Amino acid sequence: MLRRYLYVLGAGADRIDDLVQEVFVVALHKLLLDRGPAATAQFLRGVAKNLLLRQRRSFAARREVELGDEVWREQCGEEGDRRADALRNCVEGLPERGRRLLQRCYADGAGRHELGLEFGMAVDGIKTTLRRLRAALRACIERRLRGQS
């Protein structure tokens, strides 16, 4: 949950693991009572946010983190893990080619030109396909969160 949260706030991929470790070091020193899963998750997110803000000095960067935190609260709230599980299940339901395209684009960081060559598509075709895949995933996630399949 913390890795996803820090990613949403704009932490660089090279810093996320370090920040998560720092969060747990702070938590070991300060979180003595078991406050329940929701309160503990909120505490950990607060520590993560503050550590990230400490790294970012400019007002614009701080505002970006604050906006990311606001989006997390509005979109995920306390059910961030539920959303991630829904996303995972929805991605598994996609055709193999769609899953591979998403993997190459978002996990591997391949650009549209590279993807076009790899998948035998025009750059605009890659853009359109990714937009459609995101829309299908969004609809699937929303259905799953409402309790529909």
C-alpha atoms as a PDB file:
ATOM      1  CA  MET A   1       0.000   0.000   0.000  1.00  0.00           C
ATOM      2  CA  LEU A   2       2.807   2.436   0.857  1.00  0.00           C
ATOM      3  CA  ARG A   3       4.619   1.841  -2.420  1.00  0.00           C
ATOM      4  CA  ARG A   4       1.457   2.648  -4.399  1.00  0.00           C
ATOM      5  CA  TYR A   5       0.735   5.663  -2.197  1.00  0.00           C
ATOM      6  CA  LEU A   6       4.226   7.098  -2.645  1.00  0.00           C
ATOM      7  CA  TYR A   7       4.008   6.479  -6.387  1.00  0.00           C
ATOM      8  CA  VAL A   8       0.719   8.418  -6.528  1.00  0.00           C
ATOM      9  CA  LEU A   9       2.381  11.268  -4.614  1.00  0.00           C
ATOM     10  CA  GLY A  10       5.121  11.398  -7.240  1.00  0.00           C
ATOM     11  CA  ALA A  11       8.032   9.719  -5.500  1.00  0.00           C
ATOM     12  CA  GLY A  12      10.665   8.573  -7.947  1.00  0.00           C
ATOM     13  CA  ALA A  13      10.847   4.835  -8.525  1.00  0.00           C
ATOM     14  CA  ASP A  14      14.456   4.916  -7.346  1.00  0.00           C
ATOM     15  CA  ARG A  15      13.409   6.361  -3.955  1.00  0.00           C
ATOM     16  CA  ILE A  16      10.229   4.435  -3.143  1.00  0.00           C
ATOM     17  CA  ASP A  17      11.887   1.437  -1.473  1.00  0.00           C
ATOM     18  CA  ASP A  18      14.117   3.705   0.619  1.00  0.00           C
ATOM     19  CA  LEU A  19      11.146   5.785   1.723  1.00  0.00           C
ATOM     20  CA  VAL A  20       9.139   2.683   2.675  1.00  0.00           C
ATOM     21  CA  GLN A  21      12.047   1.469   4.792  1.00  0.00           C
ATOM     22  CA  GLU A  22      12.306   4.863   6.480  1.00  0.00           C
ATOM     23  CA  VAL A  23       8.561   4.787   7.203  1.00  0.00           C
ATOM     24  CA  PHE A  24       8.859   1.466   8.985  1.00  0.00           C
ATOM     25  CA  VAL A  25      11.870   2.642  10.979  1.00  0.00           C
ATOM     26  CA  VAL A  26       9.824   5.607  12.199  1.00  0.00           C
ATOM     27  CA  ALA A  27       6.845   3.329  12.840  1.00  0.00           C
ATOM     28  CA  LEU A  28       8.965   1.000  14.967  1.00  0.00           C
ATOM     29  CA  HIS A  29       9.903   3.926  17.180  1.00  0.00           C
ATOM     30  CA  LYS A  30       6.515   5.644  17.389  1.00  0.00           C
ATOM     31  CA  LEU A  31       3.767   3.112  16.765  1.00  0.00           C
ATOM     32  CA  LEU A  32       3.671   1.224  20.036  1.00  0.00           C
ATOM     33  CA  LEU A  33      -0.050   0.518  20.283  1.00  0.00           C
ATOM     34  CA  ASP A  34      -2.073  -1.535  17.842  1.00  0.00           C
ATOM     35  CA  ARG A  35      -4.595   1.000  16.633  1.00  0.00           C
ATOM     36  CA  GLY A  36      -6.290  -1.258  14.111  1.00  0.00           C
ATOM     37  CA  PRO A  37      -5.592  -1.622  10.392  1.00  0.00           C
ATOM     38  CA  ALA A  38      -7.235   1.631   9.234  1.00  0.00           C
ATOM     39  CA  ALA A  39      -5.539   3.862  11.829  1.00  0.00           C
ATOM     40  CA  THR A  40      -2.196   2.132  11.291  1.00  0.00           C
ATOM     41  CA  ALA A  41      -2.456   2.576   7.507  1.00  0.00           C
ATOM     42  CA  GLN A  42      -3.340   6.246   7.980  1.00  0.00           C
ATOM     43  CA  PHE A  43      -0.365   6.713  10.333  1.00  0.00           C
ATOM     44  CA  LEU A  44       2.015   5.021   7.865  1.00  0.00           C
ATOM     45  CA  ARG A  45       0.730   7.136   4.964  1.00  0.00           C
ATOM     46  CA  GLY A  46       1.223  10.274   7.060  1.00  0.00           C
ATOM     47  CA  VAL A  47       4.809   9.335   7.859  1.00  0.00           C
ATOM     48  CA  ALA A  48       5.464   8.497   4.182  1.00  0.00           C
ATOM     49  CA  LYS A  49       3.983  11.807   3.051  1.00  0.00           C
ATOM     50  CA  ASN A  50       6.069  13.778   5.545  1.00  0.00           C
ATOM     51  CA  LEU A  51       9.268  11.988   4.568  1.00  0.00           C
ATOM     52  CA  LEU A  52       8.579  12.694   0.898  1.00  0.00           C
ATOM     53  CA  LEU A  53       7.802  16.339   1.648  1.00  0.00           C
ATOM     54  CA  ARG A  54      11.059  16.640   3.539  1.00  0.00           C
ATOM     55  CA  GLN A  55      12.829  15.539   0.370  1.00  0.00           C
ATOM     56  CA  ARG A  56      10.996  18.100  -1.718  1.00  0.00           C
ATOM     57  CA  ARG A  57      11.852  21.681  -0.930  1.00  0.00           C
ATOM     58  CA  SER A  58      10.044  23.782  -3.532  1.00  0.00           C
ATOM     59  CA  PHE A  59       6.457  24.912  -3.103  1.00  0.00           C
ATOM     60  CA  ALA A  60       5.434  23.466  -6.483  1.00  0.00           C
ATOM     61  CA  ALA A  61       6.772  20.035  -5.552  1.00  0.00           C
ATOM     62  CA  ARG A  62       5.021  20.203  -2.171  1.00  0.00           C
ATOM     63  CA  ARG A  63       1.744  21.167  -3.859  1.00  0.00           C
ATOM     64  CA  GLU A  64       2.116  18.203  -6.204  1.00  0.00           C
ATOM     65  CA  VAL A  65       2.448  15.868  -3.219  1.00  0.00           C
ATOM     66  CA  GLU A  66      -0.549  17.475  -1.500  1.00  0.00           C
ATOM     67  CA  LEU A  67      -2.657  17.044  -4.650  1.00  0.00           C
ATOM     68  CA  GLY A  68      -1.570  13.413  -4.896  1.00  0.00           C
ATOM     69  CA  ASP A  69      -2.588  12.869  -1.277  1.00  0.00           C
ATOM     70  CA  GLU A  70      -5.975  14.459  -1.956  1.00  0.00           C
ATOM     71  CA  VAL A  71      -6.510  12.216  -4.990  1.00  0.00           C
ATOM     72  CA  TRP A  72      -5.572   9.157  -2.910  1.00  0.00           C
ATOM     73  CA  ARG A  73      -8.088  10.062  -0.184  1.00  0.00           C
ATOM     74  CA  GLU A  74     -10.856  10.763  -2.703  1.00  0.00           C
ATOM     75  CA  GLN A  75     -10.216   7.803  -4.992  1.00  0.00           C
ATOM     76  CA  CYS A  76      -8.875   5.139  -2.654  1.00  0.00           C
ATOM     77  CA  GLY A  77      -9.669   6.143   0.898  1.00  0.00           C
ATOM     78  CA  GLU A  78      -9.161   3.166   3.130  1.00  0.00           C
ATOM     79  CA  GLU A  79      -9.846   0.703   0.348  1.00  0.00           C
ATOM     80  CA  GLY A  80      -6.616   1.171  -1.612  1.00  0.00           C
ATOM     81  CA  ASP A  81      -5.836  -2.532  -1.314  1.00  0.00           C
ATOM     82  CA  ARG A  82      -9.325  -3.406  -2.556  1.00  0.00           C
ATOM     83  CA  ARG A  83      -8.757  -1.223  -5.609  1.00  0.00           C
ATOM     84  CA  ALA A  84      -5.363  -2.792  -6.259  1.00  0.00           C
ATOM     85  CA  ASP A  85      -6.884  -6.278  -6.011  1.00  0.00           C
ATOM     86  CA  ALA A  86      -9.670  -5.237  -8.398  1.00  0.00           C
ATOM     87  CA  LEU A  87      -7.097  -3.837 -10.840  1.00  0.00           C
ATOM     88  CA  ARG A  88      -5.058  -7.031 -10.658  1.00  0.00           C
ATOM     89  CA  ASN A  89      -8.139  -9.159 -11.378  1.00  0.00           C
ATOM     90  CA  CYS A  90      -9.260  -6.893 -14.204  1.00  0.00           C
ATOM     91  CA  VAL A  91      -5.823  -6.963 -15.842  1.00  0.00           C
ATOM     92  CA  GLU A  92      -5.845 -10.768 -15.636  1.00  0.00           C
ATOM     93  CA  GLY A  93      -9.160 -10.728 -17.512  1.00  0.00           C
ATOM     94  CA  LEU A  94      -7.713  -8.822 -20.459  1.00  0.00           C
ATOM     95  CA  PRO A  95      -6.566 -10.574 -23.629  1.00  0.00           C
ATOM     96  CA  GLU A  96      -2.883 -11.572 -23.588  1.00  0.00           C
ATOM     97  CA  ARG A  97      -1.904  -8.876 -26.098  1.00  0.00           C
ATOM     98  CA  GLY A  98      -3.512  -6.150 -23.979  1.00  0.00           C
ATOM     99  CA  ARG A  99      -1.771  -7.398 -20.836  1.00  0.00           C
ATOM    100  CA  ARG A 100       1.573  -7.455 -22.636  1.00  0.00           C
ATOM    101  CA  LEU A 101       1.041  -3.935 -23.957  1.00  0.00           C
ATOM    102  CA  LEU A 102       0.222  -2.631 -20.481  1.00  0.00           C
ATOM    103  CA  GLN A 103       3.229  -4.453 -19.006  1.00  0.00           C
ATOM    104  CA  ARG A 104       5.615  -3.061 -21.584  1.00  0.00           C
ATOM    105  CA  CYS A 105       4.238   0.479 -21.321  1.00  0.00           C
ATOM    106  CA  TYR A 106       3.671   0.964 -17.593  1.00  0.00           C
ATOM    107  CA  ALA A 107       5.928  -1.556 -15.877  1.00  0.00           C
ATOM    108  CA  ASP A 108       8.829  -1.565 -18.330  1.00  0.00           C
ATOM    109  CA  GLY A 109       8.528   2.085 -19.371  1.00  0.00           C
ATOM    110  CA  ALA A 110       8.576   1.453 -23.117  1.00  0.00           C
ATOM    111  CA  GLY A 111       7.620   4.456 -25.247  1.00  0.00           C
ATOM    112  CA  ARG A 112       4.893   4.511 -27.887  1.00  0.00           C
ATOM    113  CA  HIS A 113       7.350   4.381 -30.766  1.00  0.00           C
ATOM    114  CA  GLU A 114       9.079   1.324 -29.312  1.00  0.00           C
ATOM    115  CA  LEU A 115       5.705  -0.306 -28.599  1.00  0.00           C
ATOM    116  CA  GLY A 116       4.550   0.425 -32.136  1.00  0.00           C
ATOM    117  CA  LEU A 117       7.534  -1.417 -33.562  1.00  0.00           C
ATOM    118  CA  GLU A 118       7.154  -4.292 -31.119  1.00  0.00           C
ATOM    119  CA  PHE A 119       3.400  -4.751 -31.636  1.00  0.00           C
ATOM    120  CA  GLY A 120       3.309  -3.865 -35.337  1.00  0.00           C
ATOM    121  CA  MET A 121       1.107  -0.807 -34.823  1.00  0.00           C
ATOM    122  CA  ALA A 122       1.258   2.897 -35.610  1.00  0.00           C
ATOM    123  CA  VAL A 123       2.098   5.237 -32.736  1.00  0.00           C
ATOM    124  CA  ASP A 124      -1.451   6.640 -32.827  1.00  0.00           C
ATOM    125  CA  GLY A 125      -2.785   3.072 -32.717  1.00  0.00           C
ATOM    126  CA  ILE A 126      -0.771   2.420 -29.556  1.00  0.00           C
ATOM    127  CA  LYS A 127      -2.135   5.614 -28.012  1.00  0.00           C
ATOM    128  CA  THR A 128      -5.734   4.661 -28.873  1.00  0.00           C
ATOM    129  CA  THR A 129      -5.305   1.082 -27.671  1.00  0.00           C
ATOM    130  CA  LEU A 130      -3.841   2.236 -24.351  1.00  0.00           C
ATOM    131  CA  ARG A 131      -6.710   4.698 -23.902  1.00  0.00           C
ATOM    132  CA  ARG A 132      -9.251   1.928 -24.546  1.00  0.00           C
ATOM    133  CA  LEU A 133      -7.465  -0.476 -22.196  1.00  0.00           C
ATOM    134  CA  ARG A 134      -7.442   2.147 -19.423  1.00  0.00           C
ATOM    135  CA  ALA A 135     -11.148   2.849 -19.967  1.00  0.00           C
ATOM    136  CA  ALA A 136     -11.957  -0.877 -19.861  1.00  0.00           C
ATOM    137  CA  LEU A 137      -9.916  -1.301 -16.675  1.00  0.00           C
ATOM    138  CA  ARG A 138     -11.590   1.711 -15.059  1.00  0.00           C
ATOM    139  CA  ALA A 139     -15.059   0.298 -15.828  1.00  0.00           C
ATOM    140  CA  CYS A 140     -14.055  -3.166 -14.610  1.00  0.00           C
ATOM    141  CA  ILE A 141     -12.610  -1.801 -11.356  1.00  0.00           C
ATOM    142  CA  GLU A 142     -15.711   0.282 -10.695  1.00  0.00           C
ATOM    143  CA  ARG A 143     -17.947  -2.768 -11.280  1.00  0.00           C
ATOM    144  CA  ARG A 144     -15.866  -4.895  -8.915  1.00  0.00           C
ATOM    145  CA  LEU A 145     -15.872  -2.225  -6.212  1.00  0.00           C
ATOM    146  CA  ARG A 146     -19.665  -2.016  -6.467  1.00  0.00           C
ATOM    147  CA  GLY A 147     -19.770  -5.783  -5.953  1.00  0.00           C
ATOM    148  CA  GLN A 148     -20.565  -6.745  -9.522  1.00  0.00           C
ATOM    149  CA  SER A 149     -18.349  -9.049 -11.593  1.00  0.00           C
END
